[in-house]
Protein backbone atom coordinates (compact mmCIF):
# COMPACT_ATOMS: atom_id res chain seq x y z
CA MET A 1 0.01 0.08 0.28
CA LEU A 2 1.12 3.59 -0.72
CA ASP A 3 2.17 6.32 1.52
CA LYS A 4 -0.22 8.91 0.31
CA GLN A 5 2.06 12.20 0.41
CA PRO A 6 1.19 16.12 0.53
CA PRO A 7 0.78 17.29 -2.99
CA LEU A 8 3.30 19.47 -4.70
CA VAL A 9 0.55 22.08 -5.22
CA ASP A 10 -1.77 23.62 -3.58
CA PRO A 11 -4.28 23.98 -6.43
CA ASP A 12 -5.80 27.16 -5.19
CA ASP A 13 -2.85 29.01 -5.01
CA PHE A 14 -0.71 27.92 -8.87
CA ARG A 15 2.55 27.70 -6.18
CA CYS A 16 4.76 24.83 -5.33
CA LEU A 17 4.39 23.96 -1.74
CA ARG A 18 8.51 22.61 -1.64
CA CYS A 19 10.10 24.78 -4.55
CA PRO A 20 12.56 26.92 -2.91
CA ALA A 21 11.91 29.43 -6.30
CA ALA A 22 8.10 29.28 -5.03
CA LYS A 23 9.53 31.66 -1.90
CA GLY A 24 8.89 35.24 -2.10
CA LEU A 25 10.26 38.09 0.49
CA ALA A 26 6.85 37.94 1.96
CA ASP A 27 7.14 34.26 2.59
CA TYR A 28 10.39 35.44 5.21
CA PHE A 29 8.92 37.71 6.81
CA MET A 30 5.20 36.13 7.06
CA PRO A 31 5.54 32.42 6.90
CA ASN A 32 2.23 30.75 7.58
CA SER A 33 0.79 33.58 5.22
CA ARG A 34 -1.28 32.73 1.94
CA PRO A 35 0.32 34.42 -0.89
CA THR A 36 -2.76 36.81 -2.85
CA LEU A 37 -1.63 36.33 -6.55
CA TYR A 38 -4.10 38.39 -7.80
CA GLY A 39 -6.21 40.99 -6.94
CA PHE A 40 -5.46 43.62 -3.87
CA ARG A 41 -2.87 42.30 -1.33
CA PHE A 42 -1.86 44.11 1.33
CA PHE A 43 0.50 42.47 4.74
CA ALA A 44 2.09 43.89 7.74
CA THR A 45 5.39 45.15 5.85
CA ASP A 46 3.14 47.41 4.13
CA ALA A 47 1.53 49.18 6.46
CA LEU A 48 5.13 49.66 8.37
CA VAL A 49 5.95 51.00 4.92
CA LEU A 50 2.98 53.11 4.96
CA THR A 51 3.47 54.37 8.58
CA ALA A 52 7.11 55.06 7.67
CA GLY A 53 6.34 57.23 5.22
CA ALA A 54 3.41 59.31 6.98
CA VAL A 55 6.06 59.48 9.69
CA GLY A 56 8.89 60.83 7.20
CA THR A 57 6.53 63.03 5.01
CA TRP A 58 4.95 64.59 8.54
CA LEU A 59 8.93 65.15 9.98
CA LEU A 60 10.11 67.00 6.53
CA TRP A 61 6.67 69.40 5.98
CA ARG A 62 7.28 69.81 10.55
CA GLN A 63 10.57 71.46 9.15
CA ASP A 64 9.12 72.85 6.22
CA LEU A 65 11.38 71.23 4.00
CA ALA A 66 10.29 72.24 0.11
CA VAL A 67 10.80 68.34 -1.10
CA TRP A 68 7.93 67.02 1.97
CA TRP A 69 6.03 65.76 -0.89
CA MET A 70 8.26 63.62 -2.57
CA VAL A 71 7.76 60.95 0.29
CA PRO A 72 3.74 60.17 -0.74
CA CYS A 73 4.27 60.88 -3.85
CA VAL A 74 6.47 57.78 -4.39
CA VAL A 75 5.38 55.96 -1.58
CA GLY A 76 1.93 55.99 -2.63
CA HIS A 77 2.46 55.15 -6.01
CA PHE A 78 4.78 52.15 -4.72
CA PHE A 79 1.86 51.18 -2.79
CA LEU A 80 -0.84 51.73 -5.93
CA PHE A 81 1.71 49.64 -8.38
CA CYS A 82 2.29 46.83 -5.80
CA ASN A 83 -0.67 46.28 -3.76
CA VAL A 84 -3.37 47.79 -5.87
CA PHE A 85 -2.88 47.09 -9.77
CA ARG A 86 -0.02 44.78 -9.33
CA VAL A 87 2.17 46.28 -11.95
CA ARG A 88 5.18 44.87 -13.57
CA ARG A 89 8.52 45.56 -11.95
CA ALA A 90 9.84 47.27 -15.45
CA TYR A 91 7.01 49.30 -15.14
CA GLU A 92 7.45 50.08 -11.41
CA LEU A 93 11.15 51.33 -12.36
CA ALA A 94 10.20 52.85 -16.01
CA TRP A 95 7.86 55.68 -13.93
CA ALA A 96 10.98 55.53 -11.36
CA ALA A 97 13.41 56.72 -13.31
CA LEU A 98 11.04 59.54 -15.39
CA PHE A 99 10.74 60.87 -11.87
CA LEU A 100 13.60 61.37 -11.51
CA ILE A 101 13.90 62.38 -14.64
CA ASP A 102 10.87 65.15 -13.76
CA VAL A 103 12.17 65.97 -11.03
CA GLY A 104 15.69 66.88 -11.79
CA TRP A 105 14.27 69.07 -14.30
CA TRP A 106 12.25 71.32 -11.95
CA VAL A 107 15.48 71.60 -9.66
CA SER A 108 18.13 72.39 -12.87
CA ARG A 109 15.36 75.20 -13.39
CA GLY A 110 15.29 76.09 -9.72
CA GLU A 111 11.15 75.60 -9.34
CA LEU A 112 10.50 72.68 -7.64
CA GLY A 113 7.37 71.83 -6.51
CA TRP A 114 4.71 68.94 -6.16
CA ASN A 115 2.36 70.46 -9.28
CA PRO A 116 4.29 70.77 -12.00
CA VAL A 117 6.64 67.33 -10.88
CA LEU A 118 3.03 65.97 -10.19
CA ILE A 119 1.06 67.15 -13.76
CA GLY A 120 4.16 66.00 -15.50
CA GLN A 121 4.12 62.57 -13.57
CA LEU A 122 0.22 61.97 -14.20
CA PRO A 123 0.17 60.95 -17.46
CA VAL A 124 3.07 58.94 -16.97
CA THR A 125 1.40 57.41 -14.23
CA LEU A 126 -2.27 57.03 -16.25
CA ILE A 127 -0.06 55.15 -19.24
CA VAL A 128 1.95 52.67 -16.93
CA LEU A 129 -1.66 51.79 -15.49
CA LEU A 130 -3.54 51.45 -18.85
CA ILE A 131 -1.13 49.13 -20.33
CA GLU A 132 -1.04 47.09 -17.39
CA LEU A 133 -4.84 46.90 -17.23
CA ARG A 134 -4.96 45.60 -21.12
CA SER A 135 -2.04 43.06 -20.61
CA PRO A 136 -3.47 39.65 -20.65
CA ARG A 137 -1.11 39.70 -17.21
CA TYR A 138 -2.84 41.91 -15.77
CA HIS A 139 -3.40 40.24 -11.72
CA GLY A 140 -4.25 43.61 -9.52
CA ILE A 141 -7.92 45.00 -8.67
CA GLY A 142 -11.07 43.82 -10.20
CA ALA A 143 -8.61 40.92 -12.37
CA ARG A 144 -11.32 38.78 -12.54
CA ARG A 145 -13.64 41.32 -14.23
CA LEU A 146 -10.70 42.68 -16.09
CA ASN A 147 -8.73 39.69 -17.41
CA PRO A 148 -10.39 37.27 -19.73
CA ARG A 149 -7.20 35.24 -19.39
CA LEU A 150 -6.37 35.63 -15.81
CA LYS A 151 -6.40 31.50 -15.38
CA GLU A 152 -4.04 31.03 -18.32
CA TYR A 153 -1.21 33.85 -16.50
CA LEU A 154 -2.30 31.53 -13.12
CA GLU A 155 -1.41 28.88 -14.96
CA SER A 156 1.78 29.99 -16.54
CA ARG A 157 3.25 31.23 -13.07
CA ARG A 158 2.86 27.15 -11.53
CA CYS A 159 6.38 26.13 -11.17
CA SER A 160 8.33 24.07 -13.34
CA CYS A 161 9.18 21.13 -11.15
CA ARG A 162 5.27 20.20 -10.94
CA THR A 163 5.93 19.28 -14.26
CA ALA A 164 9.24 17.40 -13.97
CA THR A 165 7.45 14.53 -11.95
């Protein structure tokens, strides 16, 4: 009689339970948490980052530093891209590079302020979100409704060791 072993893949999770490649950073901070592969996600580390951002913003604002608004702008976009819309890392990095260029442009002109920078970043943010929302790999908030190919995308993310058995 064969001993029944636990399955290699949790069917609701789409990740191999034994493969080290399946571990993410959150698994080391919250080893008992189940990953959220689509939709909105929020972890304790997100709360810490948002709290640190709020405290940093308040401290910069209290010191009357002209760059106080950069912290909520960057932290807010990080949260929006990573937790709400689940944007690809390449798009996040492109947004960040364009943000630095935008800020650098206004600094070089001696006119740094939140209005011109955010007006310049708004189209970039909208383009990034629209590209991601129209992608067959979209897995952010509302993905079940917005992405008819969500299941196909999740299937493609299964660990390769599952097919190796």
